[in-house]
Protein backbone atom coordinates (compact mmCIF):
# COMPACT_ATOMS: atom_id res chain seq x y z
CA MET A 1 46.24 140.50 106.28
CA THR A 2 47.61 140.17 102.84
CA GLU A 3 47.35 137.11 100.58
CA ALA A 4 51.10 136.45 100.80
CA SER A 5 50.82 136.05 104.62
CA VAL A 6 48.49 133.05 104.20
CA ILE A 7 49.92 129.68 103.42
CA GLY A 8 47.86 127.69 100.89
CA PRO A 9 47.72 123.99 100.47
CA ALA A 10 50.77 123.90 98.09
CA GLN A 11 52.89 125.28 100.94
CA LEU A 12 52.13 122.32 103.02
CA ALA A 13 55.10 120.50 101.53
CA ASP A 14 57.63 123.04 103.03
CA PRO A 15 59.93 120.70 105.05
CA GLU A 16 60.53 123.21 107.81
CA PHE A 17 56.78 123.78 108.18
CA ARG A 18 56.18 120.01 108.36
CA ARG A 19 59.04 119.64 110.84
CA ARG A 20 57.58 122.16 113.19
CA ARG A 21 54.13 120.75 112.83
CA THR A 22 55.36 117.41 113.67
CA GLN A 23 57.13 118.72 116.78
CA ASN A 24 53.98 120.45 117.80
CA TRP A 25 51.90 117.35 117.25
CA LEU A 26 54.43 115.15 119.29
CA PHE A 27 54.25 117.14 122.47
CA LEU A 28 50.50 117.90 122.15
CA GLY A 29 49.78 114.19 121.32
CA LEU A 30 51.83 112.74 124.21
CA LEU A 31 50.10 114.89 126.69
CA TYR A 32 46.65 113.83 125.24
CA ALA A 33 47.69 110.07 125.33
CA PHE A 34 48.45 110.52 129.11
CA PHE A 35 45.14 112.32 129.62
CA TYR A 36 43.67 109.09 128.36
CA MET A 37 45.82 107.02 130.83
CA THR A 38 44.70 109.22 133.72
CA ARG A 39 41.10 108.92 132.81
CA TYR A 40 40.98 105.09 132.37
CA ASN A 41 43.46 103.99 134.96
CA TYR A 42 40.49 103.66 137.42
CA THR A 43 38.68 101.42 134.89
CA ALA A 44 41.74 99.27 134.37
CA VAL A 45 42.02 98.60 138.22
CA ASN A 46 38.31 98.85 139.30
CA ALA A 47 38.11 95.15 139.94
CA GLN A 48 40.98 95.47 142.46
CA LEU A 49 39.44 98.57 143.97
CA ALA A 50 36.16 96.66 144.33
CA GLU A 51 37.98 93.73 146.06
CA LEU A 52 39.82 95.98 148.39
CA LEU A 53 36.96 98.26 149.45
CA GLY A 54 34.00 95.74 149.14
CA TRP A 55 32.26 97.55 146.33
CA SER A 56 29.39 95.99 144.27
CA ASN A 57 29.00 96.50 140.41
CA ARG A 58 26.58 99.32 141.12
CA GLN A 59 29.04 100.97 143.26
CA VAL A 60 31.82 100.49 140.69
CA GLY A 61 29.38 102.07 138.21
CA VAL A 62 29.08 105.24 140.24
CA PHE A 63 32.55 106.23 138.86
CA GLU A 64 31.54 105.17 135.42
CA THR A 65 28.74 107.51 135.67
CA VAL A 66 30.30 110.55 137.52
CA MET A 67 33.29 110.76 135.16
CA PRO A 68 31.52 110.72 131.88
CA LEU A 69 28.69 112.90 133.31
CA VAL A 70 31.01 115.66 134.55
CA TYR A 71 33.31 115.32 131.47
CA GLY A 72 30.34 115.40 129.11
CA LEU A 73 28.89 118.56 130.66
CA SER A 74 32.29 120.19 131.02
CA VAL A 75 33.55 119.51 127.49
CA PHE A 76 30.24 120.92 126.21
CA LEU A 77 30.39 124.15 128.36
CA ASN A 78 34.14 124.69 128.07
CA GLY A 79 34.28 124.46 124.27
CA PRO A 80 33.51 128.22 123.60
CA LEU A 81 36.09 129.00 126.34
CA ALA A 82 38.83 127.06 124.63
CA ASP A 83 37.97 128.80 121.37
CA ARG A 84 38.24 132.15 123.13
CA VAL A 85 41.63 131.54 125.08
CA GLY A 86 43.24 129.13 122.66
CA GLY A 87 44.10 125.47 122.80
CA LYS A 88 47.50 125.80 124.46
CA LYS A 89 46.19 127.66 127.52
CA ALA A 90 43.23 125.34 127.80
CA PHE A 91 45.39 122.31 127.70
CA LEU A 92 47.90 123.42 130.22
CA PHE A 93 45.05 124.51 132.67
CA GLY A 94 43.58 121.02 132.21
CA ALA A 95 46.94 119.32 132.81
CA VAL A 96 47.48 120.97 136.07
CA GLY A 97 44.04 119.75 137.41
CA VAL A 98 44.50 116.21 136.08
CA PHE A 99 47.83 115.97 137.82
CA VAL A 100 46.47 117.04 141.16
CA MET A 101 43.37 114.93 141.06
CA ASN A 102 45.20 111.76 140.22
CA LEU A 103 47.61 112.50 143.13
CA LEU A 104 44.57 112.96 145.48
CA PHE A 105 42.77 109.86 144.11
CA GLY A 106 45.80 107.75 144.86
CA ALA A 107 46.20 109.40 148.32
CA CYS A 108 42.59 108.30 149.24
CA LEU A 109 43.67 104.66 149.33
CA LEU A 110 46.07 105.51 152.17
CA LEU A 111 42.90 105.72 154.33
CA VAL A 112 42.45 101.97 153.85
CA ASN A 113 43.62 100.11 157.10
CA THR A 114 42.53 96.62 156.22
CA PRO A 115 40.80 95.31 153.11
CA ALA A 116 37.22 94.01 152.89
CA VAL A 117 36.72 90.22 153.37
CA TRP A 118 34.73 88.40 150.82
CA GLY A 119 32.76 85.01 151.03
CA LEU A 120 30.02 83.10 149.34
CA ASP A 121 26.33 83.26 150.38
CA ALA A 122 23.80 80.44 150.28
CA THR A 123 23.41 80.84 146.57
CA ASN A 124 27.01 80.66 145.89
CA HIS A 125 27.39 84.36 144.99
CA ARG A 126 30.33 86.37 146.28
CA VAL A 127 29.37 88.90 149.09
CA VAL A 128 31.17 90.95 151.48
CA GLN A 129 31.49 89.35 154.81
CA GLN A 130 33.48 92.12 156.58
CA ALA A 131 33.73 95.70 155.37
CA ALA A 132 37.10 97.45 154.93
CA THR A 133 38.19 99.37 157.99
CA LEU A 134 39.25 102.99 157.24
CA GLY A 135 40.98 105.74 158.88
CA GLY A 136 40.04 109.38 159.20
CA GLY A 137 36.67 108.51 160.73
CA LEU A 138 35.37 107.72 157.19
CA THR A 139 32.66 105.09 156.44
CA SER A 140 32.68 102.89 153.29
CA GLY A 141 30.03 105.26 151.76
CA GLY A 142 31.97 108.27 152.91
CA LEU A 143 35.10 107.17 151.19
CA LEU A 144 33.22 106.13 147.99
CA ALA A 145 31.63 109.67 147.82
CA THR A 146 35.03 111.27 148.49
CA MET A 147 36.71 109.40 145.80
CA ALA A 148 33.86 109.81 143.24
CA THR A 149 34.09 113.67 143.89
CA VAL A 150 37.72 113.63 143.20
CA TRP A 151 37.19 111.61 140.11
CA GLY A 152 34.43 113.94 138.98
CA PHE A 153 36.74 116.89 139.35
CA ASN A 154 39.44 114.86 137.22
CA GLY A 155 36.59 114.67 134.52
CA TYR A 156 36.26 118.43 134.46
CA PHE A 157 40.00 118.99 133.92
CA GLN A 158 40.07 116.08 131.44
CA SER A 159 37.54 117.85 129.30
CA PHE A 160 40.09 120.43 128.15
CA GLY A 161 42.21 117.73 126.43
CA ALA A 162 39.87 116.96 123.44
CA LEU A 163 39.01 120.60 123.06
CA ALA A 164 42.57 121.79 123.00
CA ILE A 165 43.77 119.24 120.52
CA VAL A 166 41.31 119.92 117.81
CA LYS A 167 41.46 123.60 118.52
CA VAL A 168 45.37 123.62 117.92
CA ASN A 169 45.30 121.16 115.00
CA ALA A 170 42.38 123.06 113.20
CA GLN A 171 45.04 125.79 112.81
CA TRP A 172 47.77 123.34 111.45
CA PHE A 173 45.93 121.07 109.21
CA HIS A 174 44.13 121.61 105.90
CA VAL A 175 40.66 120.19 105.49
CA ARG A 176 41.89 117.53 102.95
CA GLU A 177 44.27 116.24 105.52
CA ARG A 178 41.96 115.91 108.48
CA GLY A 179 40.70 112.35 107.61
CA GLY A 180 44.47 111.37 107.90
CA PHE A 181 44.57 113.47 110.97
CA SER A 182 41.70 111.42 112.51
CA GLY A 183 43.98 108.32 112.18
CA ILE A 184 46.65 109.97 114.18
CA PHE A 185 44.10 111.13 116.64
CA GLY A 186 43.16 107.47 117.04
CA ILE A 187 46.73 106.45 117.69
CA LEU A 188 46.89 108.95 120.53
CA ILE A 189 43.67 107.62 122.01
CA ARG A 190 44.74 103.99 121.74
CA PHE A 191 48.23 104.66 123.02
CA GLY A 192 46.70 106.21 126.13
CA LEU A 193 44.37 103.19 126.54
CA ILE A 194 47.31 100.78 126.21
CA LEU A 195 49.06 102.75 128.95
CA ALA A 196 45.82 102.47 131.02
CA PHE A 197 44.69 99.03 130.42
CA SER A 198 47.88 97.23 129.88
CA VAL A 199 50.42 99.10 132.02
CA THR A 200 48.29 100.22 134.83
CA PRO A 201 47.44 96.77 136.19
CA LEU A 202 51.16 95.96 136.22
CA ILE A 203 52.03 99.15 138.12
CA SER A 204 49.34 98.21 140.75
CA ALA A 205 50.52 94.55 140.92
CA HIS A 206 54.18 95.62 141.60
CA LEU A 207 53.85 98.75 143.52
CA GLY A 208 50.32 99.01 144.84
CA LEU A 209 47.04 100.63 143.81
CA ARG A 210 47.82 104.13 144.68
CA TRP A 211 50.82 104.14 142.35
CA ALA A 212 48.43 103.39 139.52
CA PHE A 213 47.26 106.98 139.91
CA TRP A 214 50.43 108.64 141.15
CA ILE A 215 52.62 107.58 138.25
CA PRO A 216 50.39 108.53 135.40
CA GLY A 217 49.61 111.86 137.07
CA THR A 218 53.34 112.58 137.43
CA ALA A 219 53.77 111.92 133.79
CA VAL A 220 51.09 114.55 133.09
CA GLY A 221 52.93 117.00 135.14
CA VAL A 222 56.20 116.40 133.19
CA LEU A 223 54.35 116.83 129.78
CA PHE A 224 52.79 119.95 131.01
CA LEU A 225 56.23 121.50 131.22
CA LEU A 226 57.20 120.17 127.83
CA ASN A 227 54.13 121.55 126.20
CA TRP A 228 54.58 124.91 128.00
CA ARG A 229 57.94 125.17 126.39
CA PHE A 230 57.61 123.51 122.87
CA MET A 231 54.06 123.63 121.71
CA SER A 232 52.50 126.58 119.79
CA ASP A 233 48.78 127.34 119.22
CA THR A 234 49.13 128.47 115.57
CA PRO A 235 51.70 128.48 112.75
CA ARG A 236 52.01 132.11 113.19
CA GLU A 237 53.05 131.83 116.76
CA ALA A 238 55.81 129.41 115.59
CA GLY A 239 57.01 131.92 113.11
CA PHE A 240 55.09 130.93 109.89
CA ALA A 241 52.39 132.60 108.05
CA THR A 242 48.75 131.61 108.75
CA LEU A 243 47.62 128.35 107.07
CA ASP A 244 44.57 128.63 104.82
CA THR A 245 42.98 125.49 106.06
CA GLY A 246 40.11 125.40 103.40
CA ASP A 247 37.20 124.94 105.91
CA GLU A 248 35.67 128.40 105.59
CA PRO A 249 36.07 131.50 103.39
CA GLU A 250 37.94 134.51 104.92
CA GLN A 251 36.59 138.00 104.49
CA PRO A 252 38.85 140.37 102.45
CA GLY A 253 40.96 142.50 104.78
CA THR A 254 40.28 140.49 107.96
CA ASP A 255 42.86 138.73 110.18
CA PRO A 256 42.17 134.97 110.32
CA GLU A 257 43.71 134.81 113.78
CA GLN A 258 41.87 137.63 115.36
CA ARG A 259 40.08 136.93 118.64
CA VAL A 260 36.74 135.37 117.66
CA LYS A 261 33.42 136.60 118.99
CA LEU A 262 31.47 134.26 121.38
CA GLY A 263 28.24 134.90 119.40
CA ASP A 264 29.83 133.85 116.04
CA VAL A 265 31.24 130.77 117.51
CA LEU A 266 27.99 129.62 119.08
CA ARG A 267 25.99 130.41 115.85
CA LYS A 268 28.45 128.54 113.74
CA VAL A 269 28.05 125.21 115.66
CA PHE A 270 24.60 125.28 117.39
CA ALA A 271 22.66 126.69 114.41
CA SER A 272 23.87 123.79 112.05
CA ARG A 273 21.68 120.83 111.55
CA ALA A 274 24.65 118.90 110.44
CA ALA A 275 26.49 119.57 113.68
CA TRP A 276 23.47 118.40 115.71
CA THR A 277 23.07 115.20 113.66
CA ILE A 278 26.73 114.40 114.17
CA ALA A 279 26.35 115.11 117.90
CA LEU A 280 23.52 112.48 118.09
CA CYS A 281 25.64 109.95 116.36
CA SER A 282 28.34 110.77 118.85
CA MET A 283 25.78 109.75 121.62
CA MET A 284 25.24 106.37 119.93
CA ILE A 285 28.98 105.75 119.91
CA GLY A 286 29.01 106.64 123.52
CA PHE A 287 26.35 103.97 124.31
CA VAL A 288 28.61 101.29 122.71
CA ARG A 289 32.01 102.57 123.68
CA ARG A 290 31.32 103.22 127.34
CA SER A 291 29.24 100.09 127.60
CA VAL A 292 31.80 97.61 126.40
CA VAL A 293 35.08 98.46 124.63
CA ASP A 294 36.36 101.28 126.89
CA ALA A 295 34.89 100.47 130.35
CA TRP A 296 33.96 97.22 131.68
CA TYR A 297 35.91 94.42 129.90
CA PRO A 298 38.77 94.14 132.50
CA LYS A 299 36.02 93.12 135.03
CA TYR A 300 34.50 90.82 132.46
CA PHE A 301 37.73 88.85 132.35
CA VAL A 302 38.19 88.77 136.05
CA GLU A 303 34.63 87.53 136.86
CA THR A 304 33.99 85.38 133.77
CA TYR A 305 37.34 83.53 133.80
CA ALA A 306 38.17 83.68 137.55
CA VAL A 307 41.36 85.62 137.04
CA PRO A 308 42.95 86.68 140.35
CA LYS A 309 42.66 90.48 140.56
CA PRO A 310 46.42 91.23 140.96
CA ALA A 311 47.21 88.81 138.19
CA LEU A 312 45.01 90.52 135.50
CA GLY A 313 47.99 92.15 133.83
CA SER A 314 49.57 88.75 133.35
CA PHE A 315 46.46 87.01 131.87
CA ALA A 316 47.31 86.50 128.19
CA PRO A 317 43.80 86.79 126.68
CA TYR A 318 43.37 90.09 128.68
CA GLN A 319 46.76 91.53 127.34
CA LEU A 320 45.78 90.42 123.79
CA ALA A 321 42.43 92.32 124.36
CA ALA A 322 44.20 95.46 125.63
CA TRP A 323 46.78 95.55 122.88
CA GLY A 324 44.46 94.35 120.11
CA ILE A 325 41.78 96.95 121.07
CA ALA A 326 44.56 99.63 120.63
CA LEU A 327 46.10 98.44 117.48
CA CYS A 328 42.75 97.53 115.69
CA GLY A 329 41.45 100.98 116.92
CA ILE A 330 44.46 102.65 115.34
CA ALA A 331 43.91 100.61 112.09
CA GLY A 332 40.21 101.69 112.12
CA GLY A 333 41.19 105.31 112.56
CA PHE A 334 43.35 105.34 109.56
CA ALA A 335 41.23 103.17 107.38
CA PHE A 336 38.11 105.39 108.02
CA GLY A 337 40.14 108.66 107.83
CA LEU A 338 41.94 107.83 104.64
CA SER A 339 38.83 106.44 103.03
CA SER A 340 36.86 109.56 103.83
CA ASP A 341 39.61 111.75 102.39
CA ARG A 342 40.40 109.74 99.29
CA ILE A 343 37.38 107.65 98.36
CA TYR A 344 34.65 109.92 99.59
CA LYS A 345 36.59 113.24 98.92
CA GLY A 346 36.05 114.73 102.42
CA ARG A 347 32.59 113.22 103.20
CA ARG A 348 32.65 111.69 106.59
CA ALA A 349 29.08 110.25 106.88
CA PRO A 350 29.58 107.10 104.67
CA VAL A 351 32.42 105.67 106.66
CA ILE A 352 30.79 106.50 109.89
CA MET A 353 27.67 104.59 108.84
CA TYR A 354 29.80 101.66 107.96
CA GLY A 355 31.36 101.76 111.38
CA PHE A 356 27.98 101.63 113.14
CA LEU A 357 26.98 98.57 111.11
CA GLY A 358 30.20 96.91 111.82
CA MET A 359 29.63 97.66 115.65
CA ALA A 360 26.23 96.01 115.46
CA VAL A 361 27.67 92.86 113.81
CA MET A 362 30.45 92.44 116.25
CA LEU A 363 28.52 92.94 119.36
CA ALA A 364 26.27 90.10 118.27
CA ALA A 365 29.29 87.97 117.45
CA PHE A 366 30.66 88.77 120.94
CA GLY A 367 27.35 87.79 122.56
CA MET A 368 27.29 84.51 120.67
CA ALA A 369 30.86 83.73 121.49
CA HIS A 370 30.10 84.19 125.22
CA ARG A 371 26.83 82.08 124.94
CA LEU A 372 28.67 79.25 123.27
CA LYS A 373 31.51 79.37 125.75
CA LEU A 374 34.07 79.86 123.16
CA GLY A 375 36.48 81.10 125.82
CA PRO A 376 38.63 84.27 126.59
CA TRP A 377 40.62 84.26 123.34
CA ALA A 378 37.29 84.46 121.26
CA GLY A 379 36.13 87.23 123.53
CA ALA A 380 39.42 89.12 123.03
CA GLY A 381 39.13 88.66 119.29
CA CYS A 382 35.67 90.15 119.31
CA LEU A 383 36.72 93.07 121.37
CA MET A 384 39.49 93.83 118.92
CA VAL A 385 37.46 93.85 115.87
CA LEU A 386 34.76 95.91 117.74
CA SER A 387 37.44 98.52 118.41
CA PHE A 388 38.25 98.80 114.83
CA PHE A 389 34.68 100.08 114.10
CA VAL A 390 34.16 102.02 117.27
CA ASN A 391 37.53 103.97 117.00
CA GLY A 392 37.15 104.41 113.34
CA ALA A 393 33.84 106.16 113.70
CA HIS A 394 34.90 107.99 116.91
CA GLY A 395 37.94 109.28 115.12
CA MET A 396 35.89 110.67 112.39
CA ILE A 397 33.49 112.43 114.67
CA GLY A 398 35.95 113.59 117.40
CA GLY A 399 38.73 114.47 115.13
CA ALA A 400 37.88 115.22 111.44
CA SER A 401 34.29 116.32 111.91
CA SER A 402 34.95 118.77 114.90
CA MET A 403 37.46 120.58 112.62
CA ASP A 404 35.30 120.43 109.49
CA PHE A 405 32.11 121.82 110.98
CA GLY A 406 33.76 124.05 113.50
CA GLY A 407 36.58 125.44 111.41
CA ARG A 408 39.58 127.26 112.87
CA LYS A 409 37.43 129.59 114.99
CA ALA A 410 34.92 127.09 116.41
CA ALA A 411 36.71 123.73 116.42
CA ALA A 412 36.62 123.48 120.31
CA THR A 413 33.01 124.37 120.41
CA ALA A 414 32.16 121.69 117.90
CA ALA A 415 34.37 119.18 119.72
CA GLY A 416 32.71 120.14 122.96
CA LEU A 417 29.35 119.43 121.49
CA PHE A 418 30.45 116.02 119.82
CA ASP A 419 32.50 114.59 122.69
CA GLY A 420 30.16 115.96 125.31
CA MET A 421 27.08 114.14 123.77
CA GLN A 422 29.15 110.98 123.70
CA TYR A 423 30.17 111.17 127.33
CA LEU A 424 26.66 112.15 128.42
CA ALA A 425 25.56 108.83 126.83
CA GLY A 426 28.34 107.18 128.81
CA ALA A 427 27.05 108.67 132.07
CA PHE A 428 23.72 107.20 131.25
CA VAL A 429 25.10 103.71 130.85
CA GLY A 430 27.57 103.74 133.76
CA MET A 431 25.51 102.74 136.64
CA GLY A 432 22.99 101.10 134.21
CA VAL A 433 25.50 98.57 133.20
CA GLY A 434 26.42 97.89 136.76
CA GLN A 435 22.75 97.30 137.42
CA VAL A 436 22.37 94.89 134.37
CA LEU A 437 25.43 92.95 135.57
CA ASP A 438 24.15 92.65 139.19
CA ARG A 439 20.74 91.47 137.90
CA TRP A 440 21.49 89.46 134.74
CA GLY A 441 25.15 88.86 134.64
CA TRP A 442 27.62 89.15 131.76
CA SER A 443 25.51 87.21 129.31
CA ALA A 444 23.26 90.39 128.86
CA TRP A 445 26.24 92.79 128.52
CA MET A 446 27.17 92.49 124.94
CA TRP A 447 23.61 92.63 123.50
CA ALA A 448 22.21 95.85 125.02
CA PRO A 449 24.11 98.42 122.87
CA ILE A 450 23.22 96.92 119.49
CA PRO A 451 20.01 99.11 119.04
CA PHE A 452 22.12 102.19 119.53
CA ALA A 453 24.56 101.23 116.82
CA LEU A 454 21.75 100.73 114.40
CA ILE A 455 20.13 104.00 115.33
CA GLY A 456 23.45 105.69 114.73
CA ALA A 457 23.70 104.22 111.23
CA ALA A 458 20.23 105.47 110.41
CA ILE A 459 20.89 109.01 111.65
CA ILE A 460 24.38 109.48 109.94
CA SER A 461 23.01 108.24 106.61
CA THR A 462 21.03 111.48 106.37
CA LEU A 463 24.40 113.39 105.97
CA TRP A 464 25.59 111.02 103.20
CA ASN A 465 26.64 113.91 100.89
CA VAL A 466 27.58 116.67 103.35
CA THR A 467 30.96 118.22 103.42
CA PRO A 468 32.31 121.44 105.10
CA GLY A 469 31.73 123.23 101.78
CA ARG A 470 28.31 121.63 101.10
CA ARG A 471 26.44 121.38 104.35
CA ALA A 472 22.96 120.40 105.35
CA ALA A 473 20.51 123.37 105.61
CA HIS A 474 20.86 125.44 108.76
């Protein structure tokens, strides 16, 4: 490959290149956002599912364990595969699976003949007085196991989303643009979460629970077709020269887009101390994110403020939380990303550390607001600011750092390591949070993740001066 066939940073201003990159990003990003909707639609309606089927918090937590556990292992194992076959093929394969699993999950609800009947026991706690009656010869435990298995398979197919998006965009974005990219990455995540947490309860209230899975799944099917037609893996596939992304030197006479060797990919990521340090930090984000801001807060509003389950979508503080979490998460993504690009010149660790410290402060503030009974609006405000720090740090790790430390050739493998560790942490807290709630209630919920945020701050501080071109020792 000649030097003339490689685009340098100066050519990024080419209007045609930028237009084509925006088109690529649009279809890719919309599919990724709907991956999030089809991952968190369960969480948004889990209080209604528990009411319908008579599930305890621990049973609800089964899904919050199975999904992140399968996702975390899958994203870890499938990273090298996505690096080998390319982001587009990986994304389209995952989209087919997500489409099918969401349709199946909704179909499971057709087996419910009559809902569970709830009442109060002698200590004034809500208990199931009569179990739901089911068709197909299923018991309540059998239906839970069936639905958890379907949701686990959904987690497997979901794993290709994060891998594909960083693999594709590692080809299209220069290293000095990737902090800003992490802000856009955050928009996609939060748009998907708005769709899940704000729109899904409304779908359920007006059309029924099964449609909360059928409609998002169908949207993924439509976006599969659009990405198959309009999205390209690399600039070369779209008719441009290869972009010199600046994350690693190319050997003279080699083709930057030649098929990579598995051994090279694995060595590039798994032999890097910096990569493993970032992966541990991603675990700490997982403890916070899956414990509070991305998992249990709809049930918190339902149970703490006695919101009727079908009316959750109309409860103003809850909608403020759902939209505020999204918008503040977007703001955090851009603030952290642009700061790392412009103030810290490509260093990600300083802003990630500030994110961890902000998480610890806001979790403590949320716990105090609950203890002082300041009401649902205060809780919503704390969740919003917490999201600023969580999503800012997550965007830096899941977006910018995956591309920085994986480069064009191993971006998906790096994303698999970082994202996988986060979701494995989430699997650990899934049933654990359910047990905490059943034993101690919501007053203990906000305090438990604080130590993990402080540990994350300490770990990431060891990479304070590390950039793709000046890494920690291998």
